[in-house]
Amino acid sequence: MTAAGVHTAESGLAGAHAEVKAEIARIDTKASLLLAFIGVVLAGAATLAKDAKPSILAIVVGAAGAGVLLVAVVLLLRAVRPNLSGRPVAGFPLWATLTGDQVRNVLAEDRRGQDIANLSRIAVAKFLRLKRAVDCICVGGALLVLAALITAGGAL
C-alpha cells in the first residue's frame, strides 16, 4: 500500500471509530432524556387522575397507557445498560483481564477495525431498543390522552 493509501486508511479508521463512539454516546443521551420525559408524563398523569373522577373505562385506558410507558422504560434501561457478560473482546473489559504487559502488547496492535465492528453492533442494538421505546412512548401517550378525553367527555 502506498503512503497515501496508508494515510487514507488510517484517517478512515480513525473517523469511523470516532463516529461509532459518538453514536453510542448520542443514544445514551437520548435514552436519558426519554426516561426523564416518561417520568414527567407519568407524574403528571397521576396528578391529574387523582384530582379528576375518571370512569372505569378511563382508568383502564389510562392504566394501559401507563403500562406501555413502563415497557418503554424497560427498553430504555436495557439500551443504556452495559453488557459486560461473555468473553471481553476489546476496550476496558478486555484490559481488566490482562496484566500491564499484556495491555501494552494489545495496544501495540491496531485493532480498530474489529473494535469498530463490535461497537457498531452495540450501537445498532441500542438504536433498535431506542426505536421500540419511542414507539411505546407514542402508544402510551396516545392512550393517556384518550383516557383524559374519556374523563373530560364524562365530565360534560
Protein backbone atom coordinates (compact mmCIF):
# COMPACT_ATOMS: atom_id res chain seq x y z
CA MET A 1 0.00 0.00 0.00
CA THR A 2 1.31 3.47 -0.83
CA ALA A 3 1.91 6.13 1.79
CA ALA A 4 -1.20 7.95 0.60
CA GLY A 5 -3.22 4.72 0.86
CA VAL A 6 -1.99 4.10 4.41
CA HIS A 7 -2.86 7.67 5.36
CA THR A 8 -6.34 7.34 3.83
CA ALA A 9 -6.95 4.01 5.59
CA GLU A 10 -5.63 5.46 8.85
CA SER A 11 -7.89 8.50 8.69
CA GLY A 12 -10.82 6.34 7.61
CA LEU A 13 -10.39 4.03 10.60
CA ALA A 14 -9.97 6.96 12.97
CA GLY A 15 -13.06 8.68 11.58
CA ALA A 16 -15.21 5.55 11.67
CA HIS A 17 -14.09 4.76 15.21
CA ALA A 18 -14.91 8.26 16.42
CA GLU A 19 -18.26 8.20 14.60
CA VAL A 20 -19.49 4.95 16.14
CA LYS A 21 -18.40 6.02 19.63
CA ALA A 22 -20.25 9.32 19.16
CA GLU A 23 -23.38 7.44 18.02
CA ILE A 24 -23.33 5.35 21.20
CA ALA A 25 -22.97 8.50 23.30
CA ARG A 26 -25.92 10.11 21.46
CA ILE A 27 -28.07 7.04 22.03
CA ASP A 28 -27.31 7.09 25.74
CA THR A 29 -28.15 10.81 25.91
CA LYS A 30 -31.44 10.31 24.05
CA ALA A 31 -32.37 7.41 26.30
CA SER A 32 -31.67 9.50 29.40
CA LEU A 33 -33.82 12.36 28.13
CA LEU A 34 -36.65 9.97 27.22
CA LEU A 35 -36.51 8.37 30.67
CA ALA A 36 -36.89 11.80 32.26
CA PHE A 37 -39.74 12.64 29.85
CA ILE A 38 -41.61 9.46 30.75
CA GLY A 39 -41.18 10.24 34.44
CA VAL A 40 -42.70 13.69 33.96
CA VAL A 41 -45.59 12.29 31.89
CA LEU A 42 -46.39 9.59 34.45
CA ALA A 43 -46.17 12.05 37.35
CA GLY A 44 -48.44 14.48 35.52
CA ALA A 45 -50.93 11.77 34.62
CA ALA A 46 -51.04 10.55 38.21
CA THR A 47 -51.60 14.08 39.50
CA LEU A 48 -54.40 14.75 37.01
CA ALA A 49 -56.05 11.38 37.64
CA LYS A 50 -56.00 11.96 41.39
CA ASP A 51 -57.89 15.25 41.05
CA ALA A 52 -60.36 14.01 38.40
CA LYS A 53 -63.13 11.49 38.82
CA PRO A 54 -62.33 9.15 35.93
CA SER A 55 -64.72 6.45 34.81
CA ILE A 56 -63.76 2.78 34.91
CA LEU A 57 -63.09 2.92 31.14
CA ALA A 58 -60.79 5.94 31.58
CA ILE A 59 -58.95 4.15 34.40
CA VAL A 60 -58.45 1.02 32.27
CA VAL A 61 -57.26 3.03 29.25
CA GLY A 62 -55.01 5.19 31.43
CA ALA A 63 -53.55 2.14 33.17
CA ALA A 64 -52.85 0.56 29.79
CA GLY A 65 -51.08 3.76 28.71
CA ALA A 66 -49.01 3.81 31.90
CA GLY A 67 -48.17 0.13 31.37
CA VAL A 68 -46.95 0.77 27.84
CA LEU A 69 -44.83 3.66 29.12
CA LEU A 70 -43.31 1.32 31.69
CA VAL A 71 -42.41 -1.07 28.86
CA ALA A 72 -40.65 1.90 27.22
CA VAL A 73 -38.74 2.50 30.46
CA VAL A 74 -37.52 -1.11 30.46
CA LEU A 75 -36.42 -0.83 26.82
CA LEU A 76 -34.56 2.42 27.53
CA LEU A 77 -32.86 0.95 30.59
CA ARG A 78 -31.78 -2.03 28.51
CA ALA A 79 -30.40 0.38 25.90
CA VAL A 80 -28.13 2.12 28.41
CA ARG A 81 -27.27 -0.96 30.49
CA PRO A 82 -23.67 -2.02 29.96
CA ASN A 83 -23.29 -5.54 28.63
CA LEU A 84 -20.29 -6.98 30.44
CA SER A 85 -21.27 -10.62 30.11
CA GLY A 86 -19.40 -13.04 27.94
CA ARG A 87 -15.76 -13.03 26.95
CA PRO A 88 -14.37 -9.48 26.68
CA VAL A 89 -13.07 -8.76 23.19
CA ALA A 90 -11.96 -5.13 23.30
CA GLY A 91 -11.58 -1.99 25.36
CA PHE A 92 -11.63 -1.73 29.12
CA PRO A 93 -13.50 -5.04 29.66
CA LEU A 94 -10.60 -6.82 27.94
CA TRP A 95 -7.94 -4.69 29.64
CA ALA A 96 -9.41 -5.56 33.05
CA THR A 97 -8.50 -9.21 32.43
CA LEU A 98 -4.89 -8.52 31.39
CA THR A 99 -1.61 -7.72 33.05
CA GLY A 100 0.12 -4.41 32.39
CA ASP A 101 2.46 -6.00 29.84
CA GLN A 102 -0.43 -7.70 28.07
CA VAL A 103 -2.29 -4.38 27.86
CA ARG A 104 0.78 -2.77 26.25
CA ASN A 105 1.00 -5.64 23.75
CA VAL A 106 -2.69 -5.40 22.86
CA LEU A 107 -2.47 -1.64 22.44
CA ALA A 108 0.56 -2.02 20.18
CA GLU A 109 -1.70 -3.81 17.66
CA ASP A 110 -4.13 -1.84 15.51
CA ARG A 111 -7.44 -3.48 16.37
CA ARG A 112 -9.63 -0.55 15.40
CA GLY A 113 -11.29 -2.47 12.58
CA GLN A 114 -12.55 -5.13 14.99
CA ASP A 115 -13.39 -2.51 17.59
CA ILE A 116 -15.43 -0.55 15.02
CA ALA A 117 -17.34 -3.72 14.11
CA ASN A 118 -18.01 -4.56 17.79
CA LEU A 119 -19.06 -1.02 18.65
CA SER A 120 -21.28 -0.85 15.57
CA ARG A 121 -23.14 -3.98 16.68
CA ILE A 122 -23.60 -2.42 20.12
CA ALA A 123 -24.87 0.82 18.56
CA VAL A 124 -27.36 -1.00 16.31
CA ALA A 125 -28.75 -2.98 19.26
CA LYS A 126 -29.09 0.23 21.29
CA PHE A 127 -30.80 2.03 18.39
CA LEU A 128 -33.30 -0.82 17.99
CA ARG A 129 -34.21 -0.66 21.68
CA LEU A 130 -34.47 3.12 21.48
CA LYS A 131 -36.71 2.86 18.41
CA ARG A 132 -39.01 0.37 20.13
CA ALA A 133 -39.11 2.56 23.23
CA VAL A 134 -40.14 5.60 21.17
CA ASP A 135 -42.90 3.53 19.56
CA CYS A 136 -44.10 2.55 23.05
CA ILE A 137 -43.97 6.17 24.20
CA CYS A 138 -46.19 7.18 21.28
CA VAL A 139 -48.71 4.43 22.02
CA GLY A 140 -48.65 5.01 25.78
CA GLY A 141 -49.02 8.76 25.34
CA ALA A 142 -51.94 8.27 22.95
CA LEU A 143 -53.66 6.01 25.47
CA LEU A 144 -53.17 8.58 28.24
CA VAL A 145 -54.61 11.31 26.01
CA LEU A 146 -57.54 9.03 25.21
CA ALA A 147 -58.10 8.42 28.94
CA ALA A 148 -58.07 12.18 29.51
CA LEU A 149 -60.58 12.70 26.69
CA ILE A 150 -62.84 9.96 28.09
CA THR A 151 -62.67 11.64 31.50
CA ALA A 152 -63.32 15.09 30.07
CA GLY A 153 -66.20 13.77 27.96
CA GLY A 154 -67.76 12.14 31.01
CA ALA A 155 -67.50 15.39 32.95
CA LEU A 156 -69.56 17.31 30.40
